[in-house]
Amino acid sequence: MTVEHQKQPVIVWIEVEDIHETIRDVEKAGGRLEGEVHELHGEGLVTYVSDPGGTIFGVKQPPATDTML
């Protein structure tokens, strides 16, 4: 990833069940949201968060499937 997109060259992605709950948990722990939540077609909801030291992580909530209904 180029610095035009993020200041950190490598970002670890974590799959979560509920992206909004994860953001709340990150903020409670002293981290922060680093952008908006976006929906990527076929991928689900994605965003960036950072820990209290500023390390950025990607979080991804997969799209709902028929088996989840």
PDB file of N, CA and C in Angstrom:
ATOM      1  N   MET A   1       0.857  -1.174   0.000  1.00  0.00           N
ATOM      2  CA  MET A   1       0.000   0.000   0.000  1.00  0.00           C
ATOM      3  C   MET A   1       0.900   1.232   0.000  1.00  0.00           C
ATOM      4  N   THR A   2       0.568   2.207  -0.799  1.00  0.00           N
ATOM      5  CA  THR A   2       1.372   3.421  -0.847  1.00  0.00           C
ATOM      6  C   THR A   2       0.967   4.366   0.266  1.00  0.00           C
ATOM      7  N   VAL A   3       1.839   5.300   0.590  1.00  0.00           N
ATOM      8  CA  VAL A   3       1.549   6.273   1.641  1.00  0.00           C
ATOM      9  C   VAL A   3       0.428   7.225   1.248  1.00  0.00           C
ATOM     10  N   GLU A   4       0.031   7.217  -0.005  1.00  0.00           N
ATOM     11  CA  GLU A   4      -1.111   8.028  -0.420  1.00  0.00           C
ATOM     12  C   GLU A   4      -2.403   7.523   0.217  1.00  0.00           C
ATOM     13  N   HIS A   5      -2.448   6.210   0.525  1.00  0.00           N
ATOM     14  CA  HIS A   5      -3.650   5.611   1.093  1.00  0.00           C
ATOM     15  C   HIS A   5      -3.597   5.539   2.616  1.00  0.00           C
ATOM     16  N   GLN A   6      -2.490   5.116   3.158  1.00  0.00           N
ATOM     17  CA  GLN A   6      -2.301   5.027   4.606  1.00  0.00           C
ATOM     18  C   GLN A   6      -0.837   5.294   4.914  1.00  0.00           C
ATOM     19  N   LYS A   7      -0.569   5.857   6.082  1.00  0.00           N
ATOM     20  CA  LYS A   7       0.803   6.172   6.469  1.00  0.00           C
ATOM     21  C   LYS A   7       1.602   4.923   6.829  1.00  0.00           C
ATOM     22  N   GLN A   8       0.926   3.818   7.044  1.00  0.00           N
ATOM     23  CA  GLN A   8       1.544   2.565   7.469  1.00  0.00           C
ATOM     24  C   GLN A   8       1.596   1.619   6.269  1.00  0.00           C
ATOM     25  N   PRO A   9       2.775   1.086   5.889  1.00  0.00           N
ATOM     26  CA  PRO A   9       2.871   0.298   4.666  1.00  0.00           C
ATOM     27  C   PRO A   9       2.180  -1.067   4.702  1.00  0.00           C
ATOM     28  N   VAL A  10       2.020  -1.661   5.868  1.00  0.00           N
ATOM     29  CA  VAL A  10       1.367  -2.960   5.988  1.00  0.00           C
ATOM     30  C   VAL A  10       0.261  -2.853   7.027  1.00  0.00           C
ATOM     31  N   ILE A  11      -0.928  -3.347   6.677  1.00  0.00           N
ATOM     32  CA  ILE A  11      -2.061  -3.298   7.601  1.00  0.00           C
ATOM     33  C   ILE A  11      -2.643  -4.693   7.738  1.00  0.00           C
ATOM     34  N   VAL A  12      -2.759  -5.154   8.980  1.00  0.00           N
ATOM     35  CA  VAL A  12      -3.365  -6.440   9.277  1.00  0.00           C
ATOM     36  C   VAL A  12      -4.880  -6.259   9.285  1.00  0.00           C
ATOM     37  N   TRP A  13      -5.588  -7.216   8.661  1.00  0.00           N
ATOM     38  CA  TRP A  13      -7.050  -7.175   8.632  1.00  0.00           C
ATOM     39  C   TRP A  13      -7.600  -8.238   9.565  1.00  0.00           C
ATOM     40  N   ILE A  14      -8.633  -7.864  10.323  1.00  0.00           N
ATOM     41  CA  ILE A  14      -9.274  -8.760  11.274  1.00  0.00           C
ATOM     42  C   ILE A  14     -10.746  -8.869  10.910  1.00  0.00           C
ATOM     43  N   GLU A  15     -11.230 -10.094  10.769  1.00  0.00           N
ATOM     44  CA  GLU A  15     -12.650 -10.318  10.480  1.00  0.00           C
ATOM     45  C   GLU A  15     -13.423 -10.331  11.792  1.00  0.00           C
ATOM     46  N   VAL A  16     -14.516  -9.570  11.833  1.00  0.00           N
ATOM     47  CA  VAL A  16     -15.324  -9.442  13.048  1.00  0.00           C
ATOM     48  C   VAL A  16     -16.784  -9.755  12.738  1.00  0.00           C
ATOM     49  N   GLU A  17     -17.537 -10.105  13.774  1.00  0.00           N
ATOM     50  CA  GLU A  17     -18.966 -10.385  13.590  1.00  0.00           C
ATOM     51  C   GLU A  17     -19.782  -9.107  13.465  1.00  0.00           C
ATOM     52  N   ASP A  18     -19.418  -8.071  14.237  1.00  0.00           N
ATOM     53  CA  ASP A  18     -20.178  -6.820  14.253  1.00  0.00           C
ATOM     54  C   ASP A  18     -19.195  -5.659  14.247  1.00  0.00           C
ATOM     55  N   ILE A  19     -19.067  -4.991  13.118  1.00  0.00           N
ATOM     56  CA  ILE A  19     -18.069  -3.936  12.970  1.00  0.00           C
ATOM     57  C   ILE A  19     -18.337  -2.748  13.893  1.00  0.00           C
ATOM     58  N   HIS A  20     -19.610  -2.430  14.114  1.00  0.00           N
ATOM     59  CA  HIS A  20     -19.928  -1.285  14.966  1.00  0.00           C
ATOM     60  C   HIS A  20     -19.624  -1.577  16.434  1.00  0.00           C
ATOM     61  N   GLU A  21     -19.876  -2.798  16.867  1.00  0.00           N
ATOM     62  CA  GLU A  21     -19.520  -3.204  18.226  1.00  0.00           C
ATOM     63  C   GLU A  21     -17.999  -3.204  18.393  1.00  0.00           C
ATOM     64  N   THR A  22     -17.291  -3.648  17.374  1.00  0.00           N
ATOM     65  CA  THR A  22     -15.832  -3.649  17.416  1.00  0.00           C
ATOM     66  C   THR A  22     -15.291  -2.231  17.537  1.00  0.00           C
ATOM     67  N   ILE A  23     -15.858  -1.298  16.796  1.00  0.00           N
ATOM     68  CA  ILE A  23     -15.420   0.104  16.876  1.00  0.00           C
ATOM     69  C   ILE A  23     -15.639   0.630  18.287  1.00  0.00           C
ATOM     70  N   ARG A  24     -16.788   0.341  18.890  1.00  0.00           N
ATOM     71  CA  ARG A  24     -17.051   0.773  20.273  1.00  0.00           C
ATOM     72  C   ARG A  24     -16.013   0.187  21.228  1.00  0.00           C
ATOM     73  N   ASP A  25     -15.686  -1.096  21.046  1.00  0.00           N
ATOM     74  CA  ASP A  25     -14.699  -1.748  21.913  1.00  0.00           C
ATOM     75  C   ASP A  25     -13.315  -1.121  21.745  1.00  0.00           C
ATOM     76  N   VAL A  26     -12.940  -0.821  20.516  1.00  0.00           N
ATOM     77  CA  VAL A  26     -11.648  -0.184  20.243  1.00  0.00           C
ATOM     78  C   VAL A  26     -11.585   1.181  20.939  1.00  0.00           C
ATOM     79  N   GLU A  27     -12.651   1.964  20.808  1.00  0.00           N
ATOM     80  CA  GLU A  27     -12.666   3.299  21.419  1.00  0.00           C
ATOM     81  C   GLU A  27     -12.650   3.218  22.948  1.00  0.00           C
ATOM     82  N   LYS A  28     -13.354   2.240  23.524  1.00  0.00           N
ATOM     83  CA  LYS A  28     -13.336   2.051  24.982  1.00  0.00           C
ATOM     84  C   LYS A  28     -11.936   1.708  25.475  1.00  0.00           C
ATOM     85  N   ALA A  29     -11.165   1.027  24.642  1.00  0.00           N
ATOM     86  CA  ALA A  29      -9.815   0.614  25.017  1.00  0.00           C
ATOM     87  C   ALA A  29      -8.771   1.694  24.730  1.00  0.00           C
ATOM     88  N   GLY A  30      -9.209   2.863  24.249  1.00  0.00           N
ATOM     89  CA  GLY A  30      -8.280   3.965  24.003  1.00  0.00           C
ATOM     90  C   GLY A  30      -7.852   4.124  22.561  1.00  0.00           C
ATOM     91  N   GLY A  31      -8.373   3.267  21.681  1.00  0.00           N
ATOM     92  CA  GLY A  31      -8.071   3.399  20.254  1.00  0.00           C
ATOM     93  C   GLY A  31      -9.055   4.341  19.592  1.00  0.00           C
ATOM     94  N   ARG A  32      -8.994   4.401  18.270  1.00  0.00           N
ATOM     95  CA  ARG A  32      -9.914   5.293  17.569  1.00  0.00           C
ATOM     96  C   ARG A  32     -10.244   4.792  16.174  1.00  0.00           C
ATOM     97  N   LEU A  33     -11.346   5.270  15.669  1.00  0.00           N
ATOM     98  CA  LEU A  33     -11.777   5.014  14.305  1.00  0.00           C
ATOM     99  C   LEU A  33     -10.935   5.881  13.381  1.00  0.00           C
ATOM    100  N   GLU A  34     -10.427   5.318  12.302  1.00  0.00           N
ATOM    101  CA  GLU A  34      -9.529   6.038  11.394  1.00  0.00           C
ATOM    102  C   GLU A  34     -10.152   6.265  10.021  1.00  0.00           C
ATOM    103  N   GLY A  35     -11.438   6.427   9.963  1.00  0.00           N
ATOM    104  CA  GLY A  35     -12.116   6.650   8.693  1.00  0.00           C
ATOM    105  C   GLY A  35     -13.560   6.235   8.823  1.00  0.00           C
ATOM    106  N   GLU A  36     -14.251   6.223   7.720  1.00  0.00           N
ATOM    107  CA  GLU A  36     -15.660   5.844   7.724  1.00  0.00           C
ATOM    108  C   GLU A  36     -15.808   4.352   7.459  1.00  0.00           C
ATOM    109  N   VAL A  37     -16.926   3.805   7.877  1.00  0.00           N
ATOM    110  CA  VAL A  37     -17.269   2.428   7.536  1.00  0.00           C
ATOM    111  C   VAL A  37     -17.805   2.436   6.112  1.00  0.00           C
ATOM    112  N   HIS A  38     -17.257   1.568   5.276  1.00  0.00           N
ATOM    113  CA  HIS A  38     -17.672   1.468   3.883  1.00  0.00           C
ATOM    114  C   HIS A  38     -18.156   0.060   3.592  1.00  0.00           C
ATOM    115  N   GLU A  39     -19.094  -0.051   2.664  1.00  0.00           N
ATOM    116  CA  GLU A  39     -19.509  -1.367   2.197  1.00  0.00           C
ATOM    117  C   GLU A  39     -18.842  -1.635   0.860  1.00  0.00           C
ATOM    118  N   LEU A  40     -18.087  -2.737   0.789  1.00  0.00           N
ATOM    119  CA  LEU A  40     -17.462  -3.155  -0.456  1.00  0.00           C
ATOM    120  C   LEU A  40     -18.268  -4.314  -1.015  1.00  0.00           C
ATOM    121  N   HIS A  41     -18.721  -4.173  -2.232  1.00  0.00           N
ATOM    122  CA  HIS A  41     -19.553  -5.193  -2.865  1.00  0.00           C
ATOM    123  C   HIS A  41     -18.882  -6.565  -2.776  1.00  0.00           C
ATOM    124  N   GLY A  42     -19.584  -7.518  -2.223  1.00  0.00           N
ATOM    125  CA  GLY A  42     -19.078  -8.872  -2.104  1.00  0.00           C
ATOM    126  C   GLY A  42     -18.134  -9.114  -0.948  1.00  0.00           C
ATOM    127  N   GLU A  43     -17.713  -8.051  -0.282  1.00  0.00           N
ATOM    128  CA  GLU A  43     -16.759  -8.167   0.825  1.00  0.00           C
ATOM    129  C   GLU A  43     -17.385  -7.865   2.180  1.00  0.00           C
ATOM    130  N   GLY A  44     -18.394  -7.013   2.211  1.00  0.00           N
ATOM    131  CA  GLY A  44     -19.031  -6.626   3.465  1.00  0.00           C
ATOM    132  C   GLY A  44     -18.627  -5.231   3.895  1.00  0.00           C
ATOM    133  N   LEU A  45     -18.689  -4.982   5.206  1.00  0.00           N
ATOM    134  CA  LEU A  45     -18.344  -3.681   5.761  1.00  0.00           C
ATOM    135  C   LEU A  45     -16.879  -3.666   6.165  1.00  0.00           C
ATOM    136  N   VAL A  46     -16.194  -2.567   5.872  1.00  0.00           N
ATOM    137  CA  VAL A  46     -14.774  -2.440   6.196  1.00  0.00           C
ATOM    138  C   VAL A  46     -14.477  -1.046   6.734  1.00  0.00           C
ATOM    139  N   THR A  47     -13.456  -0.957   7.565  1.00  0.00           N
ATOM    140  CA  THR A  47     -12.957   0.330   8.032  1.00  0.00           C
ATOM    141  C   THR A  47     -11.580   0.126   8.638  1.00  0.00           C
ATOM    142  N   TYR A  48     -10.954   1.225   9.035  1.00  0.00           N
ATOM    143  CA  TYR A  48      -9.677   1.188   9.734  1.00  0.00           C
ATOM    144  C   TYR A  48      -9.875   1.697  11.154  1.00  0.00           C
ATOM    145  N   VAL A  49      -9.155   1.080  12.085  1.00  0.00           N
ATOM    146  CA  VAL A  49      -9.110   1.547  13.476  1.00  0.00           C
ATOM    147  C   VAL A  49      -7.643   1.569  13.883  1.00  0.00           C
ATOM    148  N   SER A  50      -7.341   2.273  14.975  1.00  0.00           N
ATOM    149  CA  SER A  50      -5.971   2.264  15.485  1.00  0.00           C
ATOM    150  C   SER A  50      -5.981   1.974  16.974  1.00  0.00           C
ATOM    151  N   ASP A  51      -4.878   1.406  17.444  1.00  0.00           N
ATOM    152  CA  ASP A  51      -4.729   1.170  18.878  1.00  0.00           C
ATOM    153  C   ASP A  51      -4.225   2.448  19.530  1.00  0.00           C
ATOM    154  N   PRO A  52      -4.114   2.494  20.862  1.00  0.00           N
ATOM    155  CA  PRO A  52      -3.670   3.726  21.529  1.00  0.00           C
ATOM    156  C   PRO A  52      -2.293   4.214  21.087  1.00  0.00           C
ATOM    157  N   GLY A  53      -1.454   3.323  20.575  1.00  0.00           N
ATOM    158  CA  GLY A  53      -0.127   3.715  20.102  1.00  0.00           C
ATOM    159  C   GLY A  53      -0.108   4.191  18.663  1.00  0.00           C
ATOM    160  N   GLY A  54      -1.257   4.124  17.978  1.00  0.00           N
ATOM    161  CA  GLY A  54      -1.355   4.619  16.614  1.00  0.00           C
ATOM    162  C   GLY A  54      -1.207   3.566  15.532  1.00  0.00           C
ATOM    163  N   THR A  55      -1.023   2.300  15.898  1.00  0.00           N
ATOM    164  CA  THR A  55      -0.938   1.243  14.892  1.00  0.00           C
ATOM    165  C   THR A  55      -2.312   1.029  14.274  1.00  0.00           C
ATOM    166  N   ILE A  56      -2.374   1.026  12.961  1.00  0.00           N
ATOM    167  CA  ILE A  56      -3.640   0.911  12.244  1.00  0.00           C
ATOM    168  C   ILE A  56      -3.934  -0.549  11.907  1.00  0.00           C
ATOM    169  N   PHE A  57      -5.193  -0.926  12.072  1.00  0.00           N
ATOM    170  CA  PHE A  57      -5.690  -2.251  11.718  1.00  0.00           C
ATOM    171  C   PHE A  57      -6.924  -2.080  10.846  1.00  0.00           C
ATOM    172  N   GLY A  58      -7.124  -2.997   9.931  1.00  0.00           N
ATOM    173  CA  GLY A  58      -8.361  -3.043   9.163  1.00  0.00           C
ATOM    174  C   GLY A  58      -9.313  -3.998   9.855  1.00  0.00           C
ATOM    175  N   VAL A  59     -10.587  -3.649   9.884  1.00  0.00           N
ATOM    176  CA  VAL A  59     -11.600  -4.574  10.395  1.00  0.00           C
ATOM    177  C   VAL A  59     -12.655  -4.763   9.316  1.00  0.00           C
ATOM    178  N   LYS A  60     -13.122  -6.012   9.215  1.00  0.00           N
ATOM    179  CA  LYS A  60     -14.040  -6.385   8.139  1.00  0.00           C
ATOM    180  C   LYS A  60     -15.158  -7.241   8.699  1.00  0.00           C
ATOM    181  N   GLN A  61     -16.393  -6.857   8.405  1.00  0.00           N
ATOM    182  CA  GLN A  61     -17.569  -7.653   8.738  1.00  0.00           C
ATOM    183  C   GLN A  61     -18.090  -8.239   7.442  1.00  0.00           C
ATOM    184  N   PRO A  62     -17.996  -9.576   7.280  1.00  0.00           N
ATOM    185  CA  PRO A  62     -18.463 -10.187   6.031  1.00  0.00           C
ATOM    186  C   PRO A  62     -19.953  -9.910   5.798  1.00  0.00           C
ATOM    187  N   PRO A  63     -20.366  -9.965   4.541  1.00  0.00           N
ATOM    188  CA  PRO A  63     -21.788  -9.761   4.258  1.00  0.00           C
ATOM    189  C   PRO A  63     -22.629 -10.907   4.825  1.00  0.00           C
ATOM    190  N   ALA A  64     -23.870 -10.611   5.128  1.00  0.00           N
ATOM    191  CA  ALA A  64     -24.798 -11.644   5.598  1.00  0.00           C
ATOM    192  C   ALA A  64     -25.035 -12.639   4.467  1.00  0.00           C
ATOM    193  N   THR A  65     -25.224 -13.888   4.829  1.00  0.00           N
ATOM    194  CA  THR A  65     -25.535 -14.913   3.841  1.00  0.00           C
ATOM    195  C   THR A  65     -26.888 -15.504   4.151  1.00  0.00           C
ATOM    196  N   ASP A  66     -27.441 -16.218   3.198  1.00  0.00           N
ATOM    197  CA  ASP A  66     -28.758 -16.846   3.395  1.00  0.00           C
ATOM    198  C   ASP A  66     -28.746 -17.823   4.567  1.00  0.00           C
ATOM    199  N   THR A  67     -27.602 -18.434   4.848  1.00  0.00           N
ATOM    200  CA  THR A  67     -27.527 -19.390   5.936  1.00  0.00           C
ATOM    201  C   THR A  67     -27.587 -18.712   7.293  1.00  0.00           C
ATOM    202  N   MET A  68     -27.377 -17.382   7.329  1.00  0.00           N
ATOM    203  CA  MET A  68     -27.423 -16.641   8.589  1.00  0.00           C
ATOM    204  C   MET A  68     -28.831 -16.206   8.925  1.00  0.00           C
ATOM    205  N   LEU A  69     -29.789 -16.347   7.998  1.00  0.00           N
ATOM    206  CA  LEU A  69     -31.149 -15.889   8.236  1.00  0.00           C
ATOM    207  C   LEU A  69     -31.916 -16.836   9.102  1.00  0.00           C
TER     208      LEU A  69
END
